[in-house]
Structure formats: C-alpha cells, structure tokens
Amino acid sequence: MATYSDVEQNLVPEGGQDLPATPIPVVVSGAWGKMGRETVAALQAAPQLQLVARIDPSLRDSPDSDAFADLDALMAADIVDPKNTRTVFVDFTRPDVVAQNLKQALPLGFDCVVGTTGLSQESLTLLEKMIYDDRCLFIAPNFAIGAVLMMQLAQQVVAYLPTVEIIELHHDNKLDAPSGTAKRTAELLACARRRALPDFKSAAPGAESELPDGAGARGAAVDDIPIHSVRLPGYVAHQEVIFGGCGQTLTIRHDSINRSSFMPGVVLACQQVIEYSGLIIGLENLLPSRPVCD
C-alpha cells in the first residue's frame, strides 16, 4: 500500500519548483472533523510539511499545545508569523463558516488551501481581493487525483459526445448539493463543449433558466449540464459522467472508497501552494505533466 511519502515522490515534478530545505508550517482548521483528522495524520507523515497547529471549536478545552478553538486564539499564542514565514492554512470546515475563516486568514498572510465547498462566485471575488501580498488562495473542489483525471477525460469526450449528464453520490451528512466536484465538472464540460461545438443546443430540462448557486440540484441543470445528487449512508464520494450518443453510452466514474483518497492531493497542495500567488481553483493546476505516446 502506498504511503504519503511515496505519493510525494511521485507527484512532485522533476525540474519544477524545488521544495524548501526546511518543512513548511501548516495549520489545519476543522481539525476535529473527519476530513480534518485525516488531514492531520497525512501532514504528520509528510516530511516536507510541519503541522504547527490544529483549530477546531471542539479543541477549546484540549490540553495540547498545538490545539486552539479558533484562529484568534492561535494568533494570540504567537507561534506562527505568516507575514514573515510562508505558512499554509488548510480549511476543512463547513460551507457556512469557510468564507469567514478565509476573511480572517488571508489578510494575516497565510497561504490558504481550501477543501470546503460551497463558496459562491461573489465570495471568491471578495476573497481574492483580500489575499496578502504575493500569497495564494488555492481551492480544490476535489483533492482525489482520480477525480481530477475524471474531469480532464470528460472534457475530451464531450467534444465528440456532447449530450451528457452527471450523477454524484455522497454520504448523507454532506451539506451542499450539488457537490463542488459536480459543479466544477459541469462548468468545465460546458466550456469545452462551447469551444468544440458552439452551435450545440442543450435539451436539458431547466437548462434555459439560470439556477442560483445550483438551487434544486436533485435533477437540476448547472451551466446547461444536468446534475443528479444522491445523499445516502454508505457512500463516501462518487461521481459518474454519462455521455449518450447514437446507439451508445460512455460512462466515466470515479469512486473515493475512503477519505485517505484525498490526502495525496492535500499534501501536494500544501507543498506547492507557497510557490504560487493569487486565486487558483482546481488541483489540475498543480499536477505535474506526464508524457504520453503519440
């Protein structure tokens, strides 16, 4: 079974940005949640990263020196100095608090790696203006390498099979629908389809009306691409992109069997984010290129 160290060696591009000689300090917000605890374990196993603090309201009474209830408590402890030392702030919290967390973290000088979905375009526009100096706000709708590859493959297929729908299936505690991955996939598919087939007319139900922030996502059209959201116990994170053509269908499916599938991407983002500036969306922007046969 691959370890996080194996993944780091496989993903860091040869000849790309050099990793720093000293470990990159990282703070995890939402550290007591399921994704947060998985992230903490992954960071502790990554030699190029140093977990310096965990933030979560559930840690308010923790005796651990690296545990804090909120960002204000962390800054008051004076153990990080993000304006002078590039420090990564990882957010795996909730859609209703992530924007406020970033409004605090960005002006303080943190490079931010965000896995919490649910940020609106208006929030992104505002947050981009709050990025300190040459720091970076990196947002990934999905940190699983396979999910990123699914989206890239789907963009190639849609030029030839333009009639497409998305089914996304998640655990019943997921708060947003459609998922960030499904919305990102729909946006990329719609863009690729417009470029390849500018005269194509979607027949998706409801595609003629814009739905604010994916309202009615259980069978709603997002950017002219129908998305069907399923929320049931037993699932983690799964997505199918189904293309239909004359007498045929093509399905691209990705399954995250457990949350460890997201950790190689999280580690990669924490390693690489300090080499970038501004707003970056999508893990594909950090993945090294791989040669393919002609």
C-alpha atoms as a PDB file:
ATOM      1  CA  MET A   1       0.000   0.000   0.000  1.00  0.00           C
ATOM      2  CA  ALA A   2       1.371   3.415  -0.976  1.00  0.00           C
ATOM      3  CA  THR A   3       2.368   5.790   1.782  1.00  0.00           C
ATOM      4  CA  TYR A   4       2.081   9.552   1.703  1.00  0.00           C
ATOM      5  CA  SER A   5       5.850   9.739   1.211  1.00  0.00           C
ATOM      6  CA  ASP A   6       5.561   7.578  -1.907  1.00  0.00           C
ATOM      7  CA  VAL A   7       2.891   9.893  -3.252  1.00  0.00           C
ATOM      8  CA  GLU A   8       5.012  12.958  -2.627  1.00  0.00           C
ATOM      9  CA  GLN A   9       7.889  11.495  -4.599  1.00  0.00           C
ATOM     10  CA  ASN A  10       5.604  10.516  -7.471  1.00  0.00           C
ATOM     11  CA  LEU A  11       3.749  13.819  -7.755  1.00  0.00           C
ATOM     12  CA  VAL A  12       6.454  16.458  -7.337  1.00  0.00           C
ATOM     13  CA  PRO A  13       7.535  17.300 -10.907  1.00  0.00           C
ATOM     14  CA  GLU A  14      11.157  16.825 -11.865  1.00  0.00           C
ATOM     15  CA  GLY A  15      12.688  20.148 -12.768  1.00  0.00           C
ATOM     16  CA  GLY A  16       9.761  22.008 -11.197  1.00  0.00           C
ATOM     17  CA  GLN A  17       9.756  24.208  -8.137  1.00  0.00           C
ATOM     18  CA  ASP A  18      12.220  22.993  -5.529  1.00  0.00           C
ATOM     19  CA  LEU A  19      10.747  22.102  -2.181  1.00  0.00           C
ATOM     20  CA  PRO A  20      12.111  24.159   0.721  1.00  0.00           C
ATOM     21  CA  ALA A  21      15.025  22.849   2.789  1.00  0.00           C
ATOM     22  CA  THR A  22      13.009  23.319   5.975  1.00  0.00           C
ATOM     23  CA  PRO A  23       9.483  21.943   6.455  1.00  0.00           C
ATOM     24  CA  ILE A  24       6.575  24.207   5.549  1.00  0.00           C
ATOM     25  CA  PRO A  25       4.477  25.125   8.618  1.00  0.00           C
ATOM     26  CA  VAL A  26       0.823  24.149   8.253  1.00  0.00           C
ATOM     27  CA  VAL A  27      -2.290  24.994  10.280  1.00  0.00           C
ATOM     28  CA  VAL A  28      -5.426  22.856   9.925  1.00  0.00           C
ATOM     29  CA  SER A  29      -8.828  24.437  10.508  1.00  0.00           C
ATOM     30  CA  GLY A  30     -11.633  21.975  11.137  1.00  0.00           C
ATOM     31  CA  ALA A  31      -9.048  19.609  12.570  1.00  0.00           C
ATOM     32  CA  TRP A  32     -11.510  17.564  14.613  1.00  0.00           C
ATOM     33  CA  GLY A  33     -13.820  16.732  11.708  1.00  0.00           C
ATOM     34  CA  LYS A  34     -13.497  13.539   9.664  1.00  0.00           C
ATOM     35  CA  MET A  35     -11.541  15.211   6.859  1.00  0.00           C
ATOM     36  CA  GLY A  36      -9.611  17.312   9.354  1.00  0.00           C
ATOM     37  CA  ARG A  37      -8.364  14.334  11.323  1.00  0.00           C
ATOM     38  CA  GLU A  38      -7.378  12.530   8.135  1.00  0.00           C
ATOM     39  CA  THR A  39      -5.504  15.652   7.032  1.00  0.00           C
ATOM     40  CA  VAL A  40      -3.687  15.921  10.359  1.00  0.00           C
ATOM     41  CA  ALA A  41      -2.470  12.320  10.032  1.00  0.00           C
ATOM     42  CA  ALA A  42      -1.314  12.899   6.448  1.00  0.00           C
ATOM     43  CA  LEU A  43       0.592  16.061   7.342  1.00  0.00           C
ATOM     44  CA  GLN A  44       2.298  14.364  10.267  1.00  0.00           C
ATOM     45  CA  ALA A  45       3.559  11.696   7.843  1.00  0.00           C
ATOM     46  CA  ALA A  46       4.826  14.206   5.257  1.00  0.00           C
ATOM     47  CA  PRO A  47       8.495  15.112   5.864  1.00  0.00           C
ATOM     48  CA  GLN A  48       8.302  18.342   3.845  1.00  0.00           C
ATOM     49  CA  LEU A  49       5.462  19.679   6.000  1.00  0.00           C
ATOM     50  CA  GLN A  50       5.231  20.573   9.687  1.00  0.00           C
ATOM     51  CA  LEU A  51       1.859  20.590  11.416  1.00  0.00           C
ATOM     52  CA  VAL A  52       2.132  23.503  13.851  1.00  0.00           C
ATOM     53  CA  ALA A  53      -1.475  23.975  14.939  1.00  0.00           C
ATOM     54  CA  ARG A  54      -4.932  22.403  14.898  1.00  0.00           C
ATOM     55  CA  ILE A  55      -8.003  24.640  15.033  1.00  0.00           C
ATOM     56  CA  ASP A  56     -11.494  23.452  15.900  1.00  0.00           C
ATOM     57  CA  PRO A  57     -14.171  24.576  18.404  1.00  0.00           C
ATOM     58  CA  SER A  58     -14.107  21.021  19.791  1.00  0.00           C
ATOM     59  CA  LEU A  59     -10.486  21.593  20.864  1.00  0.00           C
ATOM     60  CA  ARG A  60     -11.363  24.516  23.127  1.00  0.00           C
ATOM     61  CA  ASP A  61     -10.535  22.603  26.322  1.00  0.00           C
ATOM     62  CA  SER A  62      -7.736  20.468  24.893  1.00  0.00           C
ATOM     63  CA  PRO A  63      -4.503  20.417  26.936  1.00  0.00           C
ATOM     64  CA  ASP A  64      -2.403  20.005  23.760  1.00  0.00           C
ATOM     65  CA  SER A  65      -0.137  22.940  22.995  1.00  0.00           C
ATOM     66  CA  ASP A  66      -0.985  22.806  19.275  1.00  0.00           C
ATOM     67  CA  ALA A  67      -4.791  22.814  19.784  1.00  0.00           C
ATOM     68  CA  PHE A  68      -6.858  26.012  19.514  1.00  0.00           C
ATOM     69  CA  ALA A  69     -10.567  26.788  19.447  1.00  0.00           C
ATOM     70  CA  ASP A  70     -10.258  29.436  16.731  1.00  0.00           C
ATOM     71  CA  LEU A  71      -7.806  31.470  14.678  1.00  0.00           C
ATOM     72  CA  ASP A  72      -7.841  34.361  17.143  1.00  0.00           C
ATOM     73  CA  ALA A  73      -6.584  32.038  19.896  1.00  0.00           C
ATOM     74  CA  LEU A  74      -3.836  30.737  17.626  1.00  0.00           C
ATOM     75  CA  MET A  75      -2.601  34.218  16.712  1.00  0.00           C
ATOM     76  CA  ALA A  76      -2.686  35.278  20.363  1.00  0.00           C
ATOM     77  CA  ALA A  77      -0.359  32.369  21.177  1.00  0.00           C
ATOM     78  CA  ASP A  78       2.247  33.897  18.847  1.00  0.00           C
ATOM     79  CA  ILE A  79       3.532  30.589  17.469  1.00  0.00           C
ATOM     80  CA  VAL A  80       3.082  31.442  13.766  1.00  0.00           C
ATOM     81  CA  ASP A  81       4.143  34.501  11.779  1.00  0.00           C
ATOM     82  CA  PRO A  82       2.598  34.071   8.310  1.00  0.00           C
ATOM     83  CA  LYS A  83       3.594  37.505   7.044  1.00  0.00           C
ATOM     84  CA  ASN A  84       7.294  36.699   7.516  1.00  0.00           C
ATOM     85  CA  THR A  85       7.283  32.904   7.073  1.00  0.00           C
ATOM     86  CA  ARG A  86       5.136  31.313   4.378  1.00  0.00           C
ATOM     87  CA  THR A  87       2.593  29.335   6.384  1.00  0.00           C
ATOM     88  CA  VAL A  88      -0.235  27.231   4.971  1.00  0.00           C
ATOM     89  CA  PHE A  89      -3.762  27.435   6.374  1.00  0.00           C
ATOM     90  CA  VAL A  90      -5.815  24.351   5.426  1.00  0.00           C
ATOM     91  CA  ASP A  91      -9.592  24.633   5.740  1.00  0.00           C
ATOM     92  CA  PHE A  92     -11.833  21.582   6.003  1.00  0.00           C
ATOM     93  CA  THR A  93     -14.736  23.092   7.913  1.00  0.00           C
ATOM     94  CA  ARG A  94     -18.301  23.846   6.776  1.00  0.00           C
ATOM     95  CA  PRO A  95     -19.834  25.790   3.879  1.00  0.00           C
ATOM     96  CA  ASP A  96     -21.406  28.241   6.329  1.00  0.00           C
ATOM     97  CA  VAL A  97     -18.119  29.212   8.018  1.00  0.00           C
ATOM     98  CA  VAL A  98     -15.372  28.796   5.395  1.00  0.00           C
ATOM     99  CA  ALA A  99     -15.769  32.303   3.950  1.00  0.00           C
ATOM    100  CA  GLN A 100     -15.425  33.920   7.377  1.00  0.00           C
ATOM    101  CA  ASN A 101     -12.383  31.765   8.154  1.00  0.00           C
ATOM    102  CA  LEU A 102     -10.683  32.932   4.963  1.00  0.00           C
ATOM    103  CA  LYS A 103     -11.596  36.563   5.609  1.00  0.00           C
ATOM    104  CA  GLN A 104      -9.535  36.222   8.787  1.00  0.00           C
ATOM    105  CA  ALA A 105      -6.683  34.092   7.452  1.00  0.00           C
ATOM    106  CA  LEU A 106      -5.904  35.812   4.146  1.00  0.00           C
ATOM    107  CA  PRO A 107      -5.122  39.325   5.500  1.00  0.00           C
ATOM    108  CA  LEU A 108      -2.896  37.715   8.160  1.00  0.00           C
ATOM    109  CA  GLY A 109      -0.609  36.456   5.393  1.00  0.00           C
ATOM    110  CA  PHE A 110      -1.495  32.774   5.225  1.00  0.00           C
ATOM    111  CA  ASP A 111      -1.330  30.783   2.004  1.00  0.00           C
ATOM    112  CA  CYS A 112      -4.697  29.049   2.044  1.00  0.00           C
ATOM    113  CA  VAL A 113      -5.570  25.549   0.860  1.00  0.00           C
ATOM    114  CA  VAL A 114      -9.338  25.056   0.867  1.00  0.00           C
ATOM    115  CA  GLY A 115     -11.214  21.791   0.569  1.00  0.00           C
ATOM    116  CA  THR A 116     -14.508  23.081   1.957  1.00  0.00           C
ATOM    117  CA  THR A 117     -17.031  23.525  -0.847  1.00  0.00           C
ATOM    118  CA  GLY A 118     -19.932  25.954  -1.057  1.00  0.00           C
ATOM    119  CA  LEU A 119     -18.152  29.261  -1.763  1.00  0.00           C
ATOM    120  CA  SER A 120     -20.146  31.437  -4.163  1.00  0.00           C
ATOM    121  CA  GLN A 121     -18.612  33.377  -7.022  1.00  0.00           C
ATOM    122  CA  GLU A 122     -19.330  36.583  -5.116  1.00  0.00           C
ATOM    123  CA  SER A 123     -17.384  35.250  -2.128  1.00  0.00           C
ATOM    124  CA  LEU A 124     -14.468  34.234  -4.349  1.00  0.00           C
ATOM    125  CA  THR A 125     -14.325  37.704  -5.901  1.00  0.00           C
ATOM    126  CA  LEU A 126     -14.237  39.303  -2.463  1.00  0.00           C
ATOM    127  CA  LEU A 127     -11.708  36.850  -1.033  1.00  0.00           C
ATOM    128  CA  GLU A 128      -9.361  37.287  -3.974  1.00  0.00           C
ATOM    129  CA  LYS A 129      -9.056  40.968  -3.078  1.00  0.00           C
ATOM    130  CA  MET A 130      -8.083  40.031   0.484  1.00  0.00           C
ATOM    131  CA  ILE A 131      -5.055  37.913  -0.422  1.00  0.00           C
ATOM    132  CA  TYR A 132      -1.997  39.321   1.311  1.00  0.00           C
ATOM    133  CA  ASP A 133       0.916  40.454  -0.885  1.00  0.00           C
ATOM    134  CA  ASP A 134       2.107  37.540  -3.076  1.00  0.00           C
ATOM    135  CA  ARG A 135       0.251  34.833  -1.129  1.00  0.00           C
ATOM    136  CA  CYS A 136      -2.060  32.250  -2.677  1.00  0.00           C
ATOM    137  CA  LEU A 137      -5.646  31.162  -2.161  1.00  0.00           C
ATOM    138  CA  PHE A 138      -5.914  27.638  -3.555  1.00  0.00           C
ATOM    139  CA  ILE A 139      -9.311  25.928  -3.740  1.00  0.00           C
ATOM    140  CA  ALA A 140      -9.855  22.336  -4.840  1.00  0.00           C
ATOM    141  CA  PRO A 141     -13.394  21.037  -5.379  1.00  0.00           C
ATOM    142  CA  ASN A 142     -11.829  17.583  -5.060  1.00  0.00           C
ATOM    143  CA  PHE A 143      -8.358  16.536  -3.864  1.00  0.00           C
ATOM    144  CA  ALA A 144      -8.533  12.984  -5.224  1.00  0.00           C
ATOM    145  CA  ILE A 145      -6.135  12.580  -8.165  1.00  0.00           C
ATOM    146  CA  GLY A 146      -8.573  10.198  -9.869  1.00  0.00           C
ATOM    147  CA  ALA A 147     -11.399  12.739  -9.659  1.00  0.00           C
ATOM    148  CA  VAL A 148      -9.214  15.373 -11.333  1.00  0.00           C
ATOM    149  CA  LEU A 149      -8.350  12.918 -14.110  1.00  0.00           C
ATOM    150  CA  MET A 150     -12.063  12.118 -14.497  1.00  0.00           C
ATOM    151  CA  MET A 151     -12.768  15.791 -15.149  1.00  0.00           C
ATOM    152  CA  GLN A 152      -9.919  16.087 -17.628  1.00  0.00           C
ATOM    153  CA  LEU A 153     -11.023  12.983 -19.552  1.00  0.00           C
ATOM    154  CA  ALA A 154     -14.626  14.171 -19.612  1.00  0.00           C
ATOM    155  CA  GLN A 155     -13.597  17.421 -21.294  1.00  0.00           C
ATOM    156  CA  GLN A 156     -12.024  15.437 -24.119  1.00  0.00           C
ATOM    157  CA  VAL A 157     -15.076  13.210 -24.566  1.00  0.00           C
ATOM    158  CA  VAL A 158     -17.683  15.989 -24.645  1.00  0.00           C
ATOM    159  CA  ALA A 159     -16.314  17.311 -27.949  1.00  0.00           C
ATOM    160  CA  TYR A 160     -17.486  14.048 -29.569  1.00  0.00           C
ATOM    161  CA  LEU A 161     -20.425  13.052 -27.359  1.00  0.00           C
ATOM    162  CA  PRO A 162     -21.919  16.408 -26.309  1.00  0.00           C
ATOM    163  CA  THR A 163     -25.073  15.068 -24.628  1.00  0.00           C
ATOM    164  CA  VAL A 164     -24.026  14.458 -21.048  1.00  0.00           C
ATOM    165  CA  GLU A 165     -25.366  14.238 -17.513  1.00  0.00           C
ATOM    166  CA  ILE A 166     -23.709  13.907 -14.100  1.00  0.00           C
ATOM    167  CA  ILE A 167     -24.725  11.729 -11.184  1.00  0.00           C
ATOM    168  CA  GLU A 168     -22.932  12.422  -7.910  1.00  0.00           C
ATOM    169  CA  LEU A 169     -23.369  10.285  -4.820  1.00  0.00           C
ATOM    170  CA  HIS A 170     -22.207  11.272  -1.341  1.00  0.00           C
ATOM    171  CA  HIS A 171     -22.731  10.379   2.291  1.00  0.00           C
ATOM    172  CA  ASP A 172     -25.912  11.628   3.902  1.00  0.00           C
ATOM    173  CA  ASN A 173     -24.107  14.184   6.084  1.00  0.00           C
ATOM    174  CA  LYS A 174     -22.803  16.214   3.155  1.00  0.00           C
ATOM    175  CA  LEU A 175     -24.322  19.673   3.489  1.00  0.00           C
ATOM    176  CA  ASP A 176     -24.200  21.021  -0.074  1.00  0.00           C
ATOM    177  CA  ALA A 177     -25.854  19.760  -3.252  1.00  0.00           C
ATOM    178  CA  PRO A 178     -24.672  19.602  -5.933  1.00  0.00           C
ATOM    179  CA  SER A 179     -21.183  18.767  -4.763  1.00  0.00           C
ATOM    180  CA  GLY A 180     -18.305  21.089  -5.561  1.00  0.00           C
ATOM    181  CA  THR A 181     -16.851  18.392  -7.804  1.00  0.00           C
ATOM    182  CA  ALA A 182     -20.072  18.077  -9.807  1.00  0.00           C
ATOM    183  CA  LYS A 183     -20.384  21.838 -10.234  1.00  0.00           C
ATOM    184  CA  ARG A 184     -16.753  22.113 -11.319  1.00  0.00           C
ATOM    185  CA  THR A 185     -17.206  19.214 -13.750  1.00  0.00           C
ATOM    186  CA  ALA A 186     -20.308  20.833 -15.231  1.00  0.00           C
ATOM    187  CA  GLU A 187     -18.519  24.162 -15.695  1.00  0.00           C
ATOM    188  CA  LEU A 188     -15.553  22.500 -17.403  1.00  0.00           C
ATOM    189  CA  LEU A 189     -17.784  20.357 -19.612  1.00  0.00           C
ATOM    190  CA  ALA A 190     -19.904  23.312 -20.675  1.00  0.00           C
ATOM    191  CA  CYS A 191     -16.807  25.352 -21.524  1.00  0.00           C
ATOM    192  CA  ALA A 192     -15.210  22.504 -23.506  1.00  0.00           C
ATOM    193  CA  ARG A 193     -18.486  21.860 -25.358  1.00  0.00           C
ATOM    194  CA  ARG A 194     -18.924  25.516 -26.301  1.00  0.00           C
ATOM    195  CA  ARG A 195     -15.404  25.632 -27.704  1.00  0.00           C
ATOM    196  CA  ALA A 196     -15.727  22.414 -29.694  1.00  0.00           C
ATOM    197  CA  LEU A 197     -19.380  22.735 -30.734  1.00  0.00           C
ATOM    198  CA  PRO A 198     -20.510  26.373 -30.488  1.00  0.00           C
ATOM    199  CA  ASP A 199     -23.853  25.634 -32.199  1.00  0.00           C
ATOM    200  CA  PHE A 200     -24.833  22.763 -29.900  1.00  0.00           C
ATOM    201  CA  LYS A 201     -28.176  23.280 -28.163  1.00  0.00           C
ATOM    202  CA  SER A 202     -28.733  21.525 -24.867  1.00  0.00           C
ATOM    203  CA  ALA A 203     -32.041  19.780 -24.320  1.00  0.00           C
ATOM    204  CA  ALA A 204     -31.524  19.519 -20.578  1.00  0.00           C
ATOM    205  CA  PRO A 205     -34.700  20.160 -18.538  1.00  0.00           C
ATOM    206  CA  GLY A 206     -34.418  23.570 -16.931  1.00  0.00           C
ATOM    207  CA  ALA A 207     -31.278  24.442 -18.883  1.00  0.00           C
ATOM    208  CA  GLU A 208     -32.960  27.521 -20.274  1.00  0.00           C
ATOM    209  CA  SER A 209     -33.209  29.099 -16.809  1.00  0.00           C
ATOM    210  CA  GLU A 210     -30.277  30.016 -14.596  1.00  0.00           C
ATOM    211  CA  LEU A 211     -30.447  28.475 -11.149  1.00  0.00           C
ATOM    212  CA  PRO A 212     -28.741  30.478  -8.374  1.00  0.00           C
ATOM    213  CA  ASP A 213     -25.919  28.513  -6.776  1.00  0.00           C
ATOM    214  CA  GLY A 214     -27.252  25.188  -8.063  1.00  0.00           C
ATOM    215  CA  ALA A 215     -30.681  25.541  -6.422  1.00  0.00           C
ATOM    216  CA  GLY A 216     -32.814  22.429  -6.818  1.00  0.00           C
ATOM    217  CA  ALA A 217     -29.749  20.340  -7.531  1.00  0.00           C
ATOM    218  CA  ARG A 218     -31.509  16.993  -7.418  1.00  0.00           C
ATOM    219  CA  GLY A 219     -32.061  16.844 -11.137  1.00  0.00           C
ATOM    220  CA  ALA A 220     -31.217  20.470 -11.908  1.00  0.00           C
ATOM    221  CA  ALA A 221     -29.197  21.917 -14.771  1.00  0.00           C
ATOM    222  CA  VAL A 222     -25.976  23.700 -13.815  1.00  0.00           C
ATOM    223  CA  ASP A 223     -24.394  25.578 -16.732  1.00  0.00           C
ATOM    224  CA  ASP A 224     -26.625  23.537 -19.095  1.00  0.00           C
ATOM    225  CA  ILE A 225     -25.348  20.225 -17.686  1.00  0.00           C
ATOM    226  CA  PRO A 226     -27.915  18.178 -15.704  1.00  0.00           C
ATOM    227  CA  ILE A 227     -26.716  17.063 -12.273  1.00  0.00           C
ATOM    228  CA  HIS A 228     -28.412  14.474 -10.085  1.00  0.00           C
ATOM    229  CA  SER A 229     -27.402  14.467  -6.414  1.00  0.00           C
ATOM    230  CA  VAL A 230     -27.758  11.406  -4.182  1.00  0.00           C
ATOM    231  CA  ARG A 231     -27.273  11.556  -0.409  1.00  0.00           C
ATOM    232  CA  LEU A 232     -27.300   8.192   1.329  1.00  0.00           C
ATOM    233  CA  PRO A 233     -25.464   6.440   4.172  1.00  0.00           C
ATOM    234  CA  GLY A 234     -22.819   4.056   2.926  1.00  0.00           C
ATOM    235  CA  TYR A 235     -21.354   6.371   0.295  1.00  0.00           C
ATOM    236  CA  VAL A 236     -18.203   8.484   0.674  1.00  0.00           C
ATOM    237  CA  ALA A 237     -17.743  10.426  -2.594  1.00  0.00           C
ATOM    238  CA  HIS A 238     -18.603   9.106  -6.043  1.00  0.00           C
ATOM    239  CA  GLN A 239     -19.368  10.605  -9.437  1.00  0.00           C
ATOM    240  CA  GLU A 240     -20.452   9.372 -12.851  1.00  0.00           C
ATOM    241  CA  VAL A 241     -20.250  11.433 -16.021  1.00  0.00           C
ATOM    242  CA  ILE A 242     -22.530   9.739 -18.555  1.00  0.00           C
ATOM    243  CA  PHE A 243     -22.351  10.562 -22.266  1.00  0.00           C
ATOM    244  CA  GLY A 244     -25.057   9.469 -24.689  1.00  0.00           C
ATOM    245  CA  GLY A 245     -24.769   9.071 -28.458  1.00  0.00           C
ATOM    246  CA  CYS A 246     -26.382   7.209 -31.329  1.00  0.00           C
ATOM    247  CA  GLY A 247     -26.809   3.649 -30.039  1.00  0.00           C
ATOM    248  CA  GLN A 248     -24.162   4.013 -27.360  1.00  0.00           C
ATOM    249  CA  THR A 249     -23.272   5.451 -23.979  1.00  0.00           C
ATOM    250  CA  LEU A 250     -19.931   6.137 -22.338  1.00  0.00           C
ATOM    251  CA  THR A 251     -19.535   6.436 -18.569  1.00  0.00           C
ATOM    252  CA  ILE A 252     -16.551   7.820 -16.692  1.00  0.00           C
ATOM    253  CA  ARG A 253     -16.819   7.045 -12.980  1.00  0.00           C
ATOM    254  CA  HIS A 254     -14.662   7.851 -10.002  1.00  0.00           C
ATOM    255  CA  ASP A 255     -15.071   6.383  -6.515  1.00  0.00           C
ATOM    256  CA  SER A 256     -13.457   7.542  -3.309  1.00  0.00           C
ATOM    257  CA  ILE A 257     -13.710   4.469  -1.116  1.00  0.00           C
ATOM    258  CA  ASN A 258     -12.435   6.290   1.965  1.00  0.00           C
ATOM    259  CA  ARG A 259     -11.118   9.719   2.852  1.00  0.00           C
ATOM    260  CA  SER A 260      -7.485   8.695   2.522  1.00  0.00           C
ATOM    261  CA  SER A 261      -8.006   9.077  -1.251  1.00  0.00           C
ATOM    262  CA  PHE A 262      -7.946  12.851  -0.820  1.00  0.00           C
ATOM    263  CA  MET A 263      -4.731  13.052   1.162  1.00  0.00           C
ATOM    264  CA  PRO A 264      -2.104  12.831  -1.628  1.00  0.00           C
ATOM    265  CA  GLY A 265      -3.725  15.878  -3.217  1.00  0.00           C
ATOM    266  CA  VAL A 266      -3.857  17.736   0.101  1.00  0.00           C
ATOM    267  CA  VAL A 267      -0.165  17.050   0.734  1.00  0.00           C
ATOM    268  CA  LEU A 268       0.720  18.128  -2.807  1.00  0.00           C
ATOM    269  CA  ALA A 269      -1.260  21.366  -2.445  1.00  0.00           C
ATOM    270  CA  CYS A 270       0.405  22.221   0.875  1.00  0.00           C
ATOM    271  CA  GLN A 271       3.826  21.621  -0.662  1.00  0.00           C
ATOM    272  CA  GLN A 272       3.202  23.619  -3.805  1.00  0.00           C
ATOM    273  CA  VAL A 273       0.912  26.488  -2.774  1.00  0.00           C
ATOM    274  CA  ILE A 274       3.756  28.659  -1.430  1.00  0.00           C
ATOM    275  CA  GLU A 275       5.215  28.756  -4.947  1.00  0.00           C
ATOM    276  CA  TYR A 276       2.123  30.493  -6.334  1.00  0.00           C
ATOM    277  CA  SER A 277       0.181  33.710  -5.825  1.00  0.00           C
ATOM    278  CA  GLY A 278      -3.385  34.868  -6.339  1.00  0.00           C
ATOM    279  CA  LEU A 279      -6.503  32.732  -6.666  1.00  0.00           C
ATOM    280  CA  ILE A 280      -6.123  29.225  -8.115  1.00  0.00           C
ATOM    281  CA  ILE A 281      -9.024  26.779  -8.484  1.00  0.00           C
ATOM    282  CA  GLY A 282      -8.529  23.093  -9.233  1.00  0.00           C
ATOM    283  CA  LEU A 283      -5.856  20.568  -8.355  1.00  0.00           C
ATOM    284  CA  GLU A 284      -5.134  20.052 -12.055  1.00  0.00           C
ATOM    285  CA  ASN A 285      -3.217  23.339 -11.949  1.00  0.00           C
ATOM    286  CA  LEU A 286      -0.659  21.806  -9.572  1.00  0.00           C
ATOM    287  CA  LEU A 287      -0.306  18.329 -11.069  1.00  0.00           C
ATOM    288  CA  PRO A 288       2.910  17.646 -12.985  1.00  0.00           C
ATOM    289  CA  SER A 289       2.510  16.745 -16.646  1.00  0.00           C
ATOM    290  CA  ARG A 290       3.203  13.189 -17.740  1.00  0.00           C
ATOM    291  CA  PRO A 291       4.394  12.171 -21.240  1.00  0.00           C
ATOM    292  CA  VAL A 292       2.028  10.067 -23.361  1.00  0.00           C
ATOM    293  CA  CYS A 293       2.561   8.084 -26.541  1.00  0.00           C
ATOM    294  CA  ASP A 294       1.743   9.752 -29.856  1.00  0.00           C
END
